[in-house]
Structures are given as structure tokens and as C-alpha cells.
């Protein structure tokens, strides 16, 4: 064998080894998309989890990078054989109850549930206070006959410069 042929044979052998190794490695994991039951579970779970970036969308609706990562984590855990409750517990342990699109009513989420009601009540209180305050302010007294005459003279342009 000639010297320049050795590197060429080594490269060919490496290419052949890679060609056989890559398909064998890719066949280990079955994608969730090929299993309709697992795909349905992933969609159902994705609709229960909130996108932490968008906050008013589920991770199923959002295209944010974090939502994509969370959907991937859900699919990986489904492929690992975890139950829906285990996956939700993992997400809440990691991100808190805020990751749930419908968080449970408990002491730590009380402000989350009651906050909108408190803001609404505060708005009504401020509106009632403003209305009461406007009613309490004295209205301007009507103009006297002398003030009417002076205003008419000013409008007509015949007023004298006396105050």
C-alpha cells in the first residue's frame, strides 16, 4: 500500500462507521409525534401549562423559546413514562403554581385569584369618592345684573378699562 492511500482508507472507514452508527442511535427514541396517544397527552398537558413569558397564553399557543422548551420537556417526560400528575408536579416544583393556567386556590395563590377583585373594588371606591367630591363642591353663583352688563359690554367691545 502506498503512503497517500492510508489516510484515504482511514477516512472511508470512519465514514462507514458513522453511517452505520447514526441510524442505530436515532432509532432508540420514538418521537411523540409517532404515538397518537402520547401526542394527545402532550397537547392536553400543554394546554394546562402557562407560558411564563407571554403569561396570557398556554405553552401550546405560545411560540416563545421558553414555551418551546417546556413543550419539549413535556414530550420527554411522556416518553420517559411519567404520568400526567408527575409531569404537572415537576413543572410546579420547578416554576411554582404560576405555571399552571388554572392555579389551585390556596394561601400562596390567594392574591392571584383575589387580585382582580381587589383592583375592581378599589376602582369602584375611587369612582364613588370622586363623584361624592364633585357633588360637594359649591357651584358657581349666578351672575348679577351688573356682571351680565359688564360681560355684554366686553363682548360688544364697548367696555371701559375699569375692573
Protein backbone atom coordinates (compact mmCIF):
# COMPACT_ATOMS: atom_id res chain seq x y z
CA UNK A 1 0.00 0.00 0.00
CA UNK A 2 1.23 3.44 -0.82
CA UNK A 3 1.53 6.11 1.76
CA UNK A 4 -1.15 8.53 0.32
CA UNK A 5 -3.72 5.73 0.25
CA UNK A 6 -3.66 5.13 4.04
CA UNK A 7 -5.36 8.42 5.04
CA UNK A 8 -7.96 7.90 2.32
CA UNK A 9 -8.76 4.40 3.62
CA UNK A 10 -8.92 5.68 7.21
CA UNK A 11 -11.37 8.42 6.19
CA UNK A 12 -13.50 5.90 4.28
CA UNK A 13 -13.55 3.56 7.29
CA UNK A 14 -14.63 6.43 9.62
CA UNK A 15 -17.39 7.48 7.21
CA UNK A 16 -18.64 3.91 7.01
CA UNK A 17 -18.62 3.54 10.80
CA UNK A 18 -20.57 6.79 11.20
CA UNK A 19 -23.06 5.77 8.53
CA UNK A 20 -23.95 2.64 10.49
CA UNK A 21 -23.79 4.23 13.96
CA UNK A 22 -26.10 7.23 13.33
CA UNK A 23 -29.25 5.31 12.26
CA UNK A 24 -28.85 2.90 15.16
CA UNK A 25 -28.66 5.80 17.62
CA UNK A 26 -31.66 7.61 16.14
CA UNK A 27 -33.86 4.51 16.40
CA UNK A 28 -33.56 4.43 20.21
CA UNK A 29 -36.06 7.22 20.89
CA UNK A 30 -39.52 7.06 19.35
CA UNK A 31 -40.78 10.62 18.77
CA UNK A 32 -44.03 11.57 20.47
CA UNK A 33 -45.50 12.59 17.11
CA UNK A 34 -45.49 8.93 16.00
CA UNK A 35 -47.56 7.86 19.00
CA UNK A 36 -51.05 9.43 18.80
CA UNK A 37 -51.86 8.70 22.46
CA UNK A 38 -48.65 10.33 23.69
CA UNK A 39 -49.22 13.27 21.31
CA UNK A 40 -52.75 13.76 22.69
CA UNK A 41 -51.36 13.71 26.25
CA UNK A 42 -48.70 16.26 25.30
CA UNK A 43 -51.31 18.58 23.79
CA UNK A 44 -53.59 18.20 26.83
CA UNK A 45 -50.74 18.95 29.24
CA UNK A 46 -49.51 21.86 27.11
CA UNK A 47 -52.97 23.41 27.32
CA UNK A 48 -52.83 23.23 31.14
CA UNK A 49 -49.47 24.99 31.48
CA UNK A 50 -48.96 28.76 31.19
CA UNK A 51 -46.21 30.33 29.11
CA UNK A 52 -44.12 32.20 31.67
CA UNK A 53 -43.05 34.74 29.04
CA UNK A 54 -46.45 35.50 27.47
CA UNK A 55 -48.43 34.87 30.68
CA UNK A 56 -51.82 35.00 28.98
CA UNK A 57 -51.19 32.04 26.69
CA UNK A 58 -50.69 28.36 27.26
CA UNK A 59 -47.44 26.77 26.16
CA UNK A 60 -49.46 25.10 23.38
CA UNK A 61 -50.39 28.54 21.96
CA UNK A 62 -47.12 30.36 22.52
CA UNK A 63 -44.12 30.46 20.21
CA UNK A 64 -41.74 31.87 22.83
CA UNK A 65 -38.46 30.00 23.28
CA UNK A 66 -39.37 29.05 26.86
CA UNK A 67 -42.72 27.62 25.71
CA UNK A 68 -40.93 25.54 23.09
CA UNK A 69 -38.56 24.24 25.80
CA UNK A 70 -41.46 23.44 28.14
CA UNK A 71 -43.30 21.55 25.38
CA UNK A 72 -40.10 19.59 24.71
CA UNK A 73 -39.79 18.77 28.43
CA UNK A 74 -43.40 17.56 28.50
CA UNK A 75 -42.77 15.29 25.49
CA UNK A 76 -39.55 13.94 27.03
CA UNK A 77 -41.28 13.12 30.31
CA UNK A 78 -44.14 11.42 28.49
CA UNK A 79 -41.59 9.36 26.55
CA UNK A 80 -39.93 8.51 29.89
CA UNK A 81 -43.23 7.01 31.06
CA UNK A 82 -44.22 9.63 33.66
CA UNK A 83 -47.88 10.19 34.49
CA UNK A 84 -49.69 13.48 33.85
CA UNK A 85 -49.73 14.24 37.58
CA UNK A 86 -45.97 13.61 37.81
CA UNK A 87 -45.32 15.99 34.92
CA UNK A 88 -47.53 18.73 36.39
CA UNK A 89 -45.85 18.26 39.80
CA UNK A 90 -42.42 18.52 38.16
CA UNK A 91 -43.42 21.77 36.44
CA UNK A 92 -44.94 23.29 39.59
CA UNK A 93 -41.93 22.25 41.68
CA UNK A 94 -39.67 23.91 39.17
CA UNK A 95 -41.70 27.05 38.25
CA UNK A 96 -44.29 27.38 41.02
CA UNK A 97 -48.09 27.36 40.80
CA UNK A 98 -47.99 30.28 38.36
CA UNK A 99 -47.01 27.82 35.58
CA UNK A 100 -50.50 26.29 35.85
CA UNK A 101 -53.00 28.03 33.58
CA UNK A 102 -55.65 27.44 36.27
CA UNK A 103 -53.71 27.53 39.55
CA UNK A 104 -55.32 25.95 42.63
CA UNK A 105 -56.90 28.19 45.24
CA UNK A 106 -54.61 28.07 48.26
CA UNK A 107 -52.80 30.51 50.54
CA UNK A 108 -49.91 31.13 48.14
CA UNK A 109 -52.21 31.83 45.18
CA UNK A 110 -54.85 33.85 47.04
CA UNK A 111 -53.54 37.15 45.67
CA UNK A 112 -53.52 35.70 42.17
CA UNK A 113 -57.20 34.80 42.46
CA UNK A 114 -58.33 37.77 44.56
CA UNK A 115 -56.14 40.45 42.98
CA UNK A 116 -58.51 41.30 40.12
CA UNK A 117 -61.44 41.57 42.55
CA UNK A 118 -59.42 43.82 44.86
CA UNK A 119 -58.48 46.09 41.94
CA UNK A 120 -62.12 46.26 40.83
CA UNK A 121 -63.28 47.18 44.34
CA UNK A 122 -60.53 49.79 44.60
CA UNK A 123 -61.66 51.29 41.28
CA UNK A 124 -65.29 51.50 42.46
CA UNK A 125 -64.17 53.09 45.74
CA UNK A 126 -62.12 55.72 43.91
CA UNK A 127 -65.00 56.44 41.49
CA UNK A 128 -67.52 56.82 44.33
CA UNK A 129 -65.15 59.12 46.19
CA UNK A 130 -64.63 61.28 43.09
CA UNK A 131 -68.39 61.54 42.44
CA UNK A 132 -69.08 62.49 46.08
CA UNK A 133 -66.30 65.05 45.99
CA UNK A 134 -67.68 66.67 42.84
CA UNK A 135 -71.19 66.84 44.31
CA UNK A 136 -69.84 68.50 47.46
CA UNK A 137 -68.04 71.33 45.64
CA UNK A 138 -70.12 74.53 45.58
CA UNK A 139 -71.44 75.54 42.22
CA UNK A 140 -70.67 78.99 40.92
CA UNK A 141 -73.26 81.56 41.90
CA UNK A 142 -75.24 83.01 39.00
CA UNK A 143 -74.09 86.32 37.60
CA UNK A 144 -75.60 89.50 38.97
CA UNK A 145 -77.24 92.06 36.69
CA UNK A 146 -74.12 94.25 36.88
CA UNK A 147 -71.86 91.28 35.89
CA UNK A 148 -74.19 90.47 32.96
CA UNK A 149 -73.98 94.05 31.75
CA UNK A 150 -70.17 94.08 32.04
CA UNK A 151 -69.88 90.75 30.16
CA UNK A 152 -72.17 92.04 27.41
CA UNK A 153 -70.10 95.21 27.17
CA UNK A 154 -66.88 93.20 26.94
CA UNK A 155 -68.32 91.06 24.18
CA UNK A 156 -69.56 94.07 22.28
CA UNK A 157 -66.21 95.79 22.66
CA UNK A 158 -67.59 98.86 24.40
CA UNK A 159 -66.26 98.11 27.86
CA UNK A 160 -64.22 100.62 29.78
CA UNK A 161 -60.97 99.54 31.36
CA UNK A 162 -62.29 99.62 34.89
CA UNK A 163 -62.14 96.38 36.77
